[in-house]
Amino acid sequence: MQDEQIPPIKDHALMSSDASNGSGVFEPVPHQVGSEPDLQPRRRRSSHSEMDKNRNRNKTSSNLRPSRKKQASRRKSLLVVSLLIVSVVSSLIVGFLIGREWKTRQVVVKVASNDEVLPTSEVMAQMDAAFEALRVGDSHKAMIGFQNAQGQQPLFGLDYLVAEAAFLSDETQLAHEAAERAVTKNEMSSEAILLLDMINFNREKVSTDRGPQFSAPIDTLESSFRKYAASHPSDSKVYSLWGELLRSQGAYKSAMEKFRRGALRADSRAGFSLLSAKEGLSRLQSEPSKSGHSLSEITAMTGEQALEAAYSSMQLKNLTDSLQFLERARDCYDDVVFREILKDPAFDPFRSEPQLKGFFKKGSEHGKSAS
């Protein structure tokens, strides 16, 4: 019996006629795009090597946590140290710049002092006239004289001198402006600041008379006097002004104390009467008198006139008359000033004269008491 031939299966889902390898053996058809996926996909197992890697990775991450904290702490420490270093360096730089600027200012001051303008003879004559006007009480004339001198030459201290003369002339606004310029230029600035305080005192006193104020103007001005006196211990003028202020307020005992301190600090070697007497003696040394003075005029003479008459008589060898003129001068001068006058070297050639020897020895022990 012949075997029946089985026909080949066509269009099977897992086979294809093209899948034959020519040997009659069919091979599975690989999965193609667009074909339906397997309804139960196989779960991929992790190999031992991958599991070890994951396990090591977890250990590494757990070990990194404390090291990251240490790194953050180190970063903070470095940041603090860096900030400290920057601040120290900045302080050194600022200090260096300030020191260099201060040295520059000192150099500028030294250069400025070396380049100070010296007054001409004309300007000096104007200033002398202004000081003379100020001495005799003509403050308005003195103010104009100082302004004229300043218009010709910008000399040191002229702003303050204008301010002082203007203040004494009741030119308050001009005095204030000139004093402020003196402070700005640092020319007699201490004196100018005190003058500004006196100007402000007068202004505040007027406002106080019109209504109540939070502080007494006199207390502020006294504080200014106290500070100025502390930094100018030999200045007698501040005590004179201070005493006048206290006396205007009825504080007579305190004013007495200030006047006393001013008198003790007044330099008899630089007072007007002494310097004027020395001026007269120097003039007679330069140009000796050709004729003496009459004793009939002695009672009308001032101390300086009697002194010059005595010296002229010495030059003319009329020593008897010169003794009487000296006695008149002694009675006119303050005893402290007269002692300084007798020390003048102009009298040296005549100290050993028999008629005058006793006077030069004892003359300083008599005379007017200091007022």
Protein backbone atom coordinates (compact mmCIF):
# COMPACT_ATOMS: atom_id res chain seq x y z
CA MET A 1 0.00 0.00 0.00
CA GLN A 2 1.34 3.22 -0.99
CA ASP A 3 1.92 5.89 1.60
CA GLU A 4 -0.21 8.89 1.34
CA GLN A 5 1.62 12.16 0.72
CA ILE A 6 0.90 14.87 3.26
CA PRO A 7 0.74 18.33 1.64
CA PRO A 8 2.97 21.01 3.15
CA ILE A 9 1.39 23.51 5.53
CA LYS A 10 1.24 26.94 4.01
CA ASP A 11 0.77 30.34 5.66
CA HIS A 12 1.39 29.03 9.18
CA ALA A 13 1.84 31.81 11.70
CA LEU A 14 5.25 30.66 12.77
CA MET A 15 6.54 29.36 9.43
CA SER A 16 7.04 30.61 5.93
CA SER A 17 7.74 28.98 2.68
CA ASP A 18 10.82 31.12 2.52
CA ALA A 19 12.01 29.77 5.85
CA SER A 20 13.27 26.56 4.37
CA ASN A 21 17.01 26.26 4.28
CA GLY A 22 16.74 24.11 1.21
CA SER A 23 17.13 21.01 3.24
CA GLY A 24 13.49 20.72 3.96
CA VAL A 25 13.91 21.77 7.54
CA PHE A 26 11.95 24.77 8.58
CA GLU A 27 13.35 27.36 11.00
CA PRO A 28 11.33 29.69 13.21
CA VAL A 29 10.61 33.09 11.72
CA PRO A 30 12.08 35.89 13.80
CA HIS A 31 9.77 38.52 15.28
CA GLN A 32 9.23 41.43 12.92
CA VAL A 33 8.16 44.97 13.50
CA GLY A 34 4.44 45.26 13.41
CA SER A 35 3.81 41.79 14.62
CA GLU A 36 1.97 41.23 17.84
CA PRO A 37 4.10 41.05 21.02
CA ASP A 38 4.32 38.05 23.18
CA LEU A 39 1.40 38.05 25.58
CA GLN A 40 3.61 36.92 28.48
CA PRO A 41 7.01 38.66 28.20
CA ARG A 42 9.80 37.03 29.92
CA ARG A 43 11.23 38.79 33.07
CA ARG A 44 14.88 39.56 32.69
CA ARG A 45 16.92 38.20 35.52
CA SER A 46 19.70 40.27 36.96
CA SER A 47 23.02 38.67 36.82
CA HIS A 48 25.19 38.27 39.89
CA SER A 49 27.64 40.84 38.61
CA GLU A 50 24.92 43.49 38.28
CA MET A 51 23.65 42.74 41.77
CA ASP A 52 27.13 43.16 43.14
CA LYS A 53 27.46 46.49 41.35
CA ASN A 54 24.20 47.74 42.83
CA ARG A 55 25.23 46.58 46.25
CA ASN A 56 28.59 48.37 46.00
CA ARG A 57 26.89 51.49 44.70
CA ASN A 58 24.65 51.66 47.77
CA LYS A 59 27.61 51.19 50.05
CA THR A 60 29.53 53.97 48.25
CA SER A 61 26.61 56.44 48.52
CA SER A 62 26.25 55.71 52.23
CA ASN A 63 29.98 56.24 52.70
CA LEU A 64 29.90 59.56 50.77
CA ARG A 65 27.33 61.18 53.07
CA PRO A 66 29.67 61.95 56.02
CA SER A 67 32.52 62.92 53.65
CA ARG A 68 30.25 65.49 51.99
CA LYS A 69 29.49 67.00 55.38
CA LYS A 70 33.19 67.25 56.07
CA GLN A 71 33.76 68.91 52.72
CA ALA A 72 30.98 71.45 53.41
CA SER A 73 32.50 72.21 56.81
CA ARG A 74 35.90 72.65 55.22
CA ARG A 75 34.44 74.99 52.64
CA LYS A 76 32.89 77.13 55.40
CA SER A 77 36.17 77.23 57.30
CA LEU A 78 38.05 78.25 54.17
CA LEU A 79 35.47 80.94 53.46
CA VAL A 80 35.81 82.41 56.97
CA VAL A 81 39.60 82.33 56.76
CA SER A 82 39.48 83.97 53.32
CA LEU A 83 37.21 86.73 54.61
CA LEU A 84 39.54 87.37 57.54
CA ILE A 85 42.53 87.56 55.24
CA VAL A 86 40.71 89.94 52.90
CA SER A 87 39.67 92.19 55.81
CA VAL A 88 43.20 92.29 57.21
CA VAL A 89 44.71 93.06 53.82
CA SER A 90 42.08 95.74 53.20
CA SER A 91 42.84 97.33 56.58
CA LEU A 92 46.56 97.36 55.79
CA ILE A 93 45.93 98.93 52.40
CA VAL A 94 43.63 101.59 53.86
CA GLY A 95 46.15 102.33 56.61
CA PHE A 96 48.93 102.63 54.06
CA LEU A 97 46.89 105.00 51.91
CA ILE A 98 45.93 107.14 54.91
CA GLY A 99 49.54 107.29 56.05
CA ARG A 100 50.73 108.23 52.61
CA GLU A 101 48.04 110.92 52.37
CA TRP A 102 49.05 112.29 55.78
CA LYS A 103 52.70 112.42 54.70
CA THR A 104 51.60 114.18 51.53
CA ARG A 105 49.69 116.72 53.58
CA GLN A 106 52.72 117.29 55.78
CA VAL A 107 54.84 117.83 52.72
CA VAL A 108 52.27 120.26 51.34
CA VAL A 109 52.24 122.14 54.62
CA LYS A 110 56.04 122.30 54.67
CA VAL A 111 56.13 123.51 51.08
CA ALA A 112 53.45 126.07 51.81
CA SER A 113 55.37 127.33 54.83
CA ASN A 114 58.50 127.67 52.71
CA ASP A 115 56.59 129.56 50.04
CA GLU A 116 54.89 132.04 52.38
CA VAL A 117 54.45 135.47 50.93
CA LEU A 118 56.52 138.12 52.67
CA PRO A 119 54.91 141.56 52.96
CA THR A 120 56.26 144.44 50.95
CA SER A 121 57.34 147.61 52.72
CA GLU A 122 54.17 149.35 51.55
CA VAL A 123 51.90 146.61 52.86
CA MET A 124 53.83 146.46 56.13
CA ALA A 125 53.32 150.22 56.57
CA GLN A 126 49.58 149.75 56.02
CA MET A 127 49.48 146.99 58.62
CA ASP A 128 51.41 149.10 61.12
CA ALA A 129 48.88 151.92 60.68
CA ALA A 130 46.02 149.44 61.09
CA PHE A 131 47.53 148.03 64.30
CA GLU A 132 48.04 151.54 65.65
CA ALA A 133 44.38 152.34 64.91
CA LEU A 134 43.35 149.13 66.63
CA ARG A 135 45.48 149.99 69.66
CA VAL A 136 43.93 153.43 70.14
CA GLY A 137 40.41 152.08 69.66
CA ASP A 138 39.64 153.08 66.06
CA SER A 139 38.59 149.59 65.01
CA HIS A 140 36.78 150.74 61.85
CA LYS A 141 39.95 152.37 60.53
CA ALA A 142 41.89 149.27 61.46
CA MET A 143 39.41 147.06 59.58
CA ILE A 144 39.79 149.14 56.41
CA GLY A 145 43.58 149.13 56.77
CA PHE A 146 43.72 145.34 57.06
CA GLN A 147 41.36 144.97 54.09
CA ASN A 148 43.54 147.25 51.96
CA ALA A 149 46.63 145.28 52.92
CA GLN A 150 44.86 142.03 52.06
CA GLY A 151 43.83 143.45 48.69
CA GLN A 152 47.49 143.97 47.80
CA GLN A 153 48.90 140.76 49.29
CA PRO A 154 47.14 137.62 50.60
CA LEU A 155 49.24 137.48 53.75
CA PHE A 156 48.89 134.87 56.47
CA GLY A 157 46.41 135.81 59.20
CA LEU A 158 44.89 138.87 57.53
CA ASP A 159 41.46 137.23 57.40
CA TYR A 160 41.47 136.91 61.17
CA LEU A 161 42.69 140.48 61.65
CA VAL A 162 39.89 141.74 59.42
CA ALA A 163 37.42 139.60 61.38
CA GLU A 164 38.63 140.91 64.74
CA ALA A 165 38.51 144.56 63.67
CA ALA A 166 35.08 144.05 62.10
CA PHE A 167 33.80 142.40 65.29
CA LEU A 168 34.98 145.38 67.37
CA SER A 169 33.28 147.68 64.82
CA ASP A 170 29.97 145.81 65.17
CA GLU A 171 30.27 144.60 61.58
CA THR A 172 29.02 141.17 62.60
CA GLN A 173 28.36 139.67 59.18
CA LEU A 174 31.73 140.73 57.80
CA ALA A 175 33.45 139.46 60.95
CA HIS A 176 31.70 136.08 60.62
CA GLU A 177 32.65 135.66 56.96
CA ALA A 178 36.28 136.65 57.51
CA ALA A 179 36.61 134.34 60.52
CA GLU A 180 35.20 131.42 58.53
CA ARG A 181 37.75 132.07 55.78
CA ALA A 182 40.52 132.03 58.37
CA VAL A 183 39.32 128.64 59.67
CA THR A 184 39.07 127.25 56.15
CA LYS A 185 42.62 128.38 55.36
CA ASN A 186 43.88 127.18 58.77
CA GLU A 187 45.31 130.63 59.44
CA MET A 188 45.05 131.54 63.13
CA SER A 189 42.18 129.06 63.18
CA SER A 190 42.05 128.73 66.99
CA GLU A 191 41.61 132.47 67.40
CA ALA A 192 39.08 132.54 64.56
CA ILE A 193 37.01 129.71 66.09
CA LEU A 194 36.90 131.55 69.42
CA LEU A 195 35.81 134.72 67.63
CA LEU A 196 33.05 132.79 65.84
CA ASP A 197 31.87 131.49 69.22
CA MET A 198 31.74 135.05 70.54
CA ILE A 199 29.72 136.14 67.50
CA ASN A 200 27.32 133.22 67.98
CA PHE A 201 27.07 134.08 71.68
CA ASN A 202 25.89 137.59 70.88
CA ARG A 203 23.36 136.25 68.39
CA GLU A 204 22.06 133.59 70.77
CA LYS A 205 21.88 136.11 73.60
CA VAL A 206 19.55 138.28 71.51
CA SER A 207 17.34 135.27 70.75
CA THR A 208 17.42 134.23 74.41
CA ASP A 209 16.18 137.66 75.44
CA ARG A 210 13.22 137.13 73.11
CA GLY A 211 12.36 133.64 74.28
CA PRO A 212 13.55 130.53 76.18
CA GLN A 213 16.42 128.44 74.85
CA PHE A 214 17.51 124.87 75.55
CA SER A 215 21.01 125.89 76.72
CA ALA A 216 22.51 129.03 78.19
CA PRO A 217 24.75 130.81 75.62
CA ILE A 218 27.19 131.85 78.34
CA ASP A 219 27.91 128.21 79.22
CA THR A 220 28.81 127.48 75.59
CA LEU A 221 31.11 130.50 75.33
CA GLU A 222 32.79 129.77 78.67
CA SER A 223 33.50 126.26 77.42
CA SER A 224 35.16 127.80 74.34
CA PHE A 225 37.26 130.11 76.54
CA ARG A 226 38.29 127.17 78.68
CA LYS A 227 39.39 125.09 75.68
CA TYR A 228 41.30 127.97 74.12
CA ALA A 229 43.06 128.80 77.40
CA ALA A 230 44.07 125.14 77.78
CA SER A 231 45.71 125.09 74.34
CA HIS A 232 47.20 128.62 74.70
CA PRO A 233 48.43 128.68 78.32
CA SER A 234 50.50 131.88 77.96
CA ASP A 235 47.87 133.98 76.21
CA SER A 236 46.64 136.71 78.56
CA LYS A 237 44.10 138.12 76.11
CA VAL A 238 41.68 135.24 76.51
CA TYR A 239 41.48 135.90 80.26
CA SER A 240 40.74 139.56 79.61
CA LEU A 241 37.84 138.63 77.32
CA TRP A 242 36.69 135.92 79.73
CA GLY A 243 36.73 138.36 82.65
CA GLU A 244 34.70 140.93 80.72
CA LEU A 245 32.13 138.26 79.88
CA LEU A 246 31.74 137.26 83.54
CA ARG A 247 31.57 140.85 84.69
CA SER A 248 28.81 141.60 82.19
CA GLN A 249 26.84 138.78 83.81
CA GLY A 250 27.39 140.15 87.33
CA ALA A 251 29.88 137.40 88.28
CA TYR A 252 32.39 139.86 89.72
CA LYS A 253 34.39 137.44 91.87
CA SER A 254 34.87 135.04 88.98
CA ALA A 255 35.83 137.98 86.77
CA MET A 256 38.48 139.04 89.31
CA GLU A 257 40.00 135.58 89.13
CA LYS A 258 40.20 135.70 85.32
CA PHE A 259 41.71 139.19 85.28
CA ARG A 260 44.29 138.07 87.81
CA ARG A 261 45.29 135.10 85.67
CA GLY A 262 45.51 137.35 82.63
CA ALA A 263 47.73 139.80 84.52
CA LEU A 264 50.07 137.00 85.60
CA ARG A 265 50.38 135.82 82.01
CA ALA A 266 50.93 139.28 80.54
CA ASP A 267 54.50 139.40 79.27
CA SER A 268 56.13 142.57 80.56
CA ARG A 269 58.97 141.99 78.12
CA ALA A 270 56.60 142.37 75.17
CA GLY A 271 54.17 144.98 76.49
CA PHE A 272 53.50 148.11 74.51
CA SER A 273 55.03 150.53 77.01
CA LEU A 274 58.24 148.49 77.24
CA LEU A 275 58.65 148.06 73.50
CA SER A 276 57.85 151.72 72.90
CA ALA A 277 60.51 152.71 75.46
CA LYS A 278 63.06 150.49 73.75
CA GLU A 279 62.12 152.05 70.44
CA GLY A 280 62.88 155.53 71.81
CA LEU A 281 66.23 154.43 73.24
CA SER A 282 67.21 152.81 69.95
CA ARG A 283 66.35 156.02 68.10
CA LEU A 284 68.59 158.07 70.40
CA GLN A 285 71.39 155.53 70.00
CA SER A 286 71.11 155.93 66.25
CA GLU A 287 70.67 159.72 66.30
CA PRO A 288 71.98 161.23 69.55
CA SER A 289 70.26 164.40 70.76
CA LYS A 290 72.25 167.61 70.22
CA SER A 291 70.52 169.50 73.02
CA GLY A 292 69.11 168.43 76.36
CA HIS A 293 65.67 168.94 77.88
CA SER A 294 64.82 171.55 80.48
CA LEU A 295 63.96 170.44 84.00
CA SER A 296 61.10 172.94 83.95
CA GLU A 297 59.14 170.58 81.73
CA ILE A 298 59.60 167.52 83.94
CA THR A 299 56.22 167.56 85.70
CA ALA A 300 54.34 167.54 82.39
CA MET A 301 56.35 164.67 80.92
CA THR A 302 55.06 161.16 80.36
CA GLY A 303 57.16 158.22 81.40
CA GLU A 304 58.50 157.71 77.88
CA GLN A 305 59.34 161.43 77.47
CA ALA A 306 61.17 161.49 80.81
CA LEU A 307 63.09 158.35 79.86
CA GLU A 308 64.25 159.83 76.56
CA ALA A 309 65.18 163.09 78.31
CA ALA A 310 67.25 161.12 80.84
CA TYR A 311 69.09 159.23 78.11
CA SER A 312 69.75 162.41 76.12
CA SER A 313 71.25 163.98 79.25
CA MET A 314 73.50 160.93 79.68
CA GLN A 315 74.76 161.29 76.13
CA LEU A 316 75.48 164.97 76.79
CA LYS A 317 77.25 164.08 80.06
CA ASN A 318 74.66 166.02 82.07
CA LEU A 319 74.31 163.21 84.61
CA THR A 320 72.69 165.29 87.39
CA ASP A 321 69.72 166.18 85.17
CA SER A 322 69.53 162.64 83.85
CA LEU A 323 69.08 161.34 87.39
CA GLN A 324 66.03 163.55 87.95
CA PHE A 325 64.52 162.54 84.62
CA LEU A 326 65.03 158.87 85.55
CA GLU A 327 63.22 159.40 88.84
CA ARG A 328 60.32 160.98 86.95
CA ALA A 329 60.20 158.04 84.53
CA ARG A 330 60.27 155.56 87.42
CA ASP A 331 57.19 157.19 88.94
CA CYS A 332 55.28 156.99 85.66
CA TYR A 333 55.99 153.38 84.72
CA ASP A 334 54.77 150.20 86.30
CA ASP A 335 57.57 148.84 88.48
CA VAL A 336 57.78 145.53 86.57
CA VAL A 337 58.05 147.36 83.25
CA PHE A 338 60.57 149.84 84.63
CA ARG A 339 62.82 147.04 85.89
CA GLU A 340 62.86 145.67 82.36
CA ILE A 341 63.65 149.13 80.98
CA LEU A 342 66.66 149.49 83.29
CA LYS A 343 68.04 146.20 81.90
CA ASP A 344 68.23 147.69 78.41
CA PRO A 345 71.80 147.52 77.03
CA ALA A 346 71.59 151.19 76.04
CA PHE A 347 72.37 152.06 79.68
CA ASP A 348 75.45 149.83 79.93
CA PRO A 349 78.02 152.62 79.26
CA PHE A 350 76.55 154.69 82.12
CA ARG A 351 75.93 152.13 84.89
CA SER A 352 79.27 152.74 86.55
CA GLU A 353 78.91 156.54 86.66
CA PRO A 354 79.05 157.72 90.32
CA GLN A 355 75.90 159.88 90.00
CA LEU A 356 73.86 157.01 88.50
CA LYS A 357 75.41 153.89 90.05
CA GLY A 358 73.18 153.94 93.12
CA PHE A 359 70.03 154.51 91.08
CA PHE A 360 70.65 151.59 88.76
CA LYS A 361 71.25 149.43 91.82
CA LYS A 362 68.19 150.48 93.82
CA GLY A 363 65.90 152.03 91.27
CA SER A 364 64.08 148.79 90.51
CA GLU A 365 63.09 148.46 94.16
CA HIS A 366 60.88 151.58 94.11
CA GLY A 367 58.11 152.90 91.92
CA LYS A 368 54.46 152.22 91.23
CA SER A 369 52.96 148.93 92.34
CA ALA A 370 51.46 146.73 89.72
CA SER A 371 47.84 147.53 89.26
